[in-house]
Protein backbone atom coordinates (compact mmCIF):
# COMPACT_ATOMS: atom_id res chain seq x y z
CA MET A 1 79.53 101.84 105.02
CA PHE A 2 81.09 103.85 102.20
CA ALA A 3 78.41 106.25 101.02
CA VAL A 4 80.44 107.97 98.30
CA MET A 5 83.25 107.02 95.99
CA LYS A 6 86.62 107.44 97.60
CA LYS A 7 89.80 107.55 95.46
CA ILE A 8 92.86 106.38 97.40
CA LEU A 9 96.28 106.96 95.87
CA PHE A 10 99.41 105.18 97.14
CA VAL A 11 102.75 106.79 96.24
CA CYS A 12 106.36 105.65 96.40
CA THR A 13 109.38 106.27 94.26
CA GLY A 14 109.25 103.98 91.25
CA ASN A 15 105.79 102.41 91.48
CA THR A 16 107.34 98.94 91.21
CA CYS A 17 107.51 97.85 94.88
CA ARG A 18 105.89 99.50 97.88
CA SER A 19 102.98 101.48 96.44
CA ILE A 20 101.82 98.68 94.17
CA MET A 21 102.08 96.19 97.06
CA ALA A 22 100.00 98.58 99.15
CA GLU A 23 97.48 99.04 96.34
CA ALA A 24 97.10 95.23 95.92
CA LEU A 25 96.93 94.52 99.68
CA PHE A 26 94.37 97.25 100.30
CA ALA A 27 92.16 96.16 97.38
CA HIS A 28 92.32 92.64 98.82
CA GLN A 29 91.48 93.91 102.29
CA VAL A 30 88.45 95.77 101.05
CA SER A 31 87.25 92.94 98.82
CA ILE A 32 87.62 90.23 101.49
CA HIS A 33 86.63 92.08 104.66
CA GLY A 34 84.33 94.84 103.34
CA GLU A 35 80.71 94.92 102.54
CA PRO A 36 79.93 94.34 98.83
CA GLU A 37 79.12 98.02 98.24
CA GLU A 38 82.37 98.96 99.96
CA ALA A 39 84.52 97.49 97.16
CA GLU A 40 82.46 99.36 94.60
CA ALA A 41 82.79 102.67 96.47
CA VAL A 42 86.63 102.74 96.66
CA GLU A 43 88.98 103.33 93.76
CA ILE A 44 92.56 102.32 94.62
CA ILE A 45 95.50 103.37 92.48
CA SER A 46 99.21 103.82 92.84
CA ALA A 47 101.98 105.94 91.21
CA GLY A 48 105.59 106.83 91.66
CA LEU A 49 107.45 110.14 91.94
CA ALA A 50 110.19 108.88 89.67
CA ALA A 51 108.47 106.02 87.88
CA PHE A 52 109.30 104.85 84.38
CA PRO A 53 105.85 104.49 82.85
CA GLY A 54 105.09 101.00 81.69
CA GLU A 55 107.79 99.31 83.82
CA GLY A 56 106.60 96.09 85.47
CA ALA A 57 106.53 95.20 89.12
CA SER A 58 109.88 94.02 90.55
CA ALA A 59 110.31 90.28 90.64
CA HIS A 60 110.53 90.24 94.41
CA ALA A 61 107.34 92.38 94.79
CA ARG A 62 105.47 89.99 92.49
CA GLN A 63 106.68 87.01 94.52
CA ALA A 64 105.92 88.61 97.90
CA VAL A 65 102.24 89.29 97.01
CA LYS A 66 101.88 86.06 95.11
CA GLU A 67 102.58 84.30 98.41
CA GLU A 68 99.37 86.01 99.64
CA GLY A 69 97.41 84.87 96.57
CA LEU A 70 97.61 88.27 94.82
CA ASP A 71 98.92 89.06 91.31
CA LEU A 72 101.03 91.98 90.10
CA GLU A 73 101.97 90.39 86.76
CA SER A 74 100.06 92.90 84.63
CA HIS A 75 101.21 95.98 86.57
CA GLU A 76 102.63 98.87 84.61
CA ALA A 77 104.24 101.73 86.56
CA ARG A 78 102.63 105.15 86.51
CA LEU A 79 104.36 108.48 86.95
CA LEU A 80 102.57 110.63 89.52
CA SER A 81 100.85 113.64 87.89
CA PRO A 82 99.28 116.68 89.46
CA GLN A 83 95.95 115.49 88.11
CA MET A 84 96.22 112.24 90.09
CA VAL A 85 96.79 114.19 93.27
CA GLU A 86 93.97 116.58 92.53
CA GLU A 87 91.49 113.76 91.87
CA ALA A 88 92.47 111.67 94.92
CA ASP A 89 90.53 112.00 98.15
CA LEU A 90 93.46 110.65 100.01
CA VAL A 91 97.17 110.40 99.05
CA LEU A 92 99.20 107.89 101.12
CA THR A 93 102.98 108.01 100.72
CA MET A 94 105.53 105.44 101.73
CA THR A 95 107.90 108.06 103.20
CA LEU A 96 107.92 111.45 104.73
CA ARG A 97 110.18 112.59 101.86
CA HIS A 98 107.48 111.52 99.37
CA LYS A 99 104.84 113.48 101.24
CA GLU A 100 107.06 116.58 101.49
CA THR A 101 107.79 116.41 97.77
CA ILE A 102 104.17 116.24 96.81
CA LEU A 103 103.20 119.09 99.15
CA ALA A 104 106.14 121.23 97.90
CA LEU A 105 104.77 120.86 94.39
CA MET A 106 101.07 121.01 95.29
CA PRO A 107 100.59 122.84 98.58
CA GLU A 108 96.84 122.91 97.98
CA ALA A 109 96.81 119.14 98.66
CA GLU A 110 97.59 119.77 102.37
CA GLY A 111 95.17 117.78 104.52
CA ARG A 112 94.83 114.96 101.87
CA VAL A 113 98.45 113.84 101.80
CA PHE A 114 99.88 111.67 104.61
CA THR A 115 102.43 108.98 105.08
CA LEU A 116 100.62 105.72 105.29
CA LYS A 117 101.89 105.18 108.84
CA GLU A 118 100.89 108.64 110.10
CA TYR A 119 97.45 108.24 108.69
CA CYS A 120 96.89 104.74 110.25
CA LEU A 121 98.77 104.84 113.52
CA PRO A 122 98.61 106.96 116.64
CA TRP A 123 101.72 109.16 116.97
CA GLU A 124 103.08 107.18 119.96
CA GLU A 125 102.92 103.88 117.94
CA MET A 126 104.30 105.18 114.68
CA GLY A 127 108.02 105.04 115.27
CA SER A 128 109.42 106.08 111.94
CA PRO A 129 106.90 107.43 109.47
CA ASP A 130 108.62 105.60 106.62
CA ILE A 131 108.15 102.17 105.05
CA ASP A 132 111.63 101.16 104.03
CA ASP A 133 112.38 100.77 100.35
CA PRO A 134 113.24 97.17 99.53
CA PHE A 135 114.34 97.97 95.95
CA GLY A 136 117.41 95.92 95.04
CA LEU A 137 117.29 93.92 98.27
CA SER A 138 116.41 90.28 98.98
CA LEU A 139 113.06 88.65 98.77
CA GLU A 140 113.08 88.62 102.58
CA ALA A 141 113.16 92.47 102.57
CA TYR A 142 110.11 92.50 100.33
CA ARG A 143 108.34 90.05 102.67
CA LYS A 144 109.08 92.33 105.58
CA VAL A 145 107.53 95.27 103.68
CA ARG A 146 104.57 93.12 102.74
CA GLU A 147 104.02 92.20 106.40
CA GLU A 148 104.28 95.78 107.54
CA LEU A 149 101.78 96.88 104.85
CA THR A 150 99.49 93.93 105.70
CA GLU A 151 99.33 95.04 109.33
CA LEU A 152 98.35 98.58 108.27
CA MET A 153 95.53 97.65 105.80
CA PRO A 154 92.78 96.81 108.33
CA LEU A 155 93.59 100.05 110.18
CA LEU A 156 93.43 102.02 106.93
CA ARG A 157 90.13 100.41 105.97
CA GLN A 158 88.60 101.21 109.34
CA LYS A 159 89.87 104.81 109.30
CA ILE A 160 88.55 105.50 105.81
CA LYS A 161 85.26 103.81 106.65
CA GLY A 162 84.96 106.05 109.73
CA ASN A 163 85.68 109.22 107.71
CA VAL A 164 82.95 108.74 105.09
């Protein structure tokens, strides 16, 4: 059970593909599989290191999550700010480079910033710590990212639930 509010921040480059897909998929995971109070105890947001504020989700990201019954139509990209990192209990990046960039700018966030894969998976199962960027690629590439993220969401929920 989530006893206190947890703020989870997903980060990628432009906040139009991976991080918003992760945000939507994790919110769905918590709402469908969590206890009622769990959904109320978790705030889930996303941002990008090089986002253009207000930009919408990419067409393929919208389609890939729509196939799972989720909606990104109203999404507006957010540029990552130091305040977002400060306020988050957990910052989950899509790549090691994203993590390194955040920690270079905000070393005090050490211990709260991880790649999504390193946070969810045991070292020996992780392989690459990165979730590949599908930007500019086919719908199939976005589906592959969606599937990778979908597999990680139950692991993330259980890990967060166990750390509260």
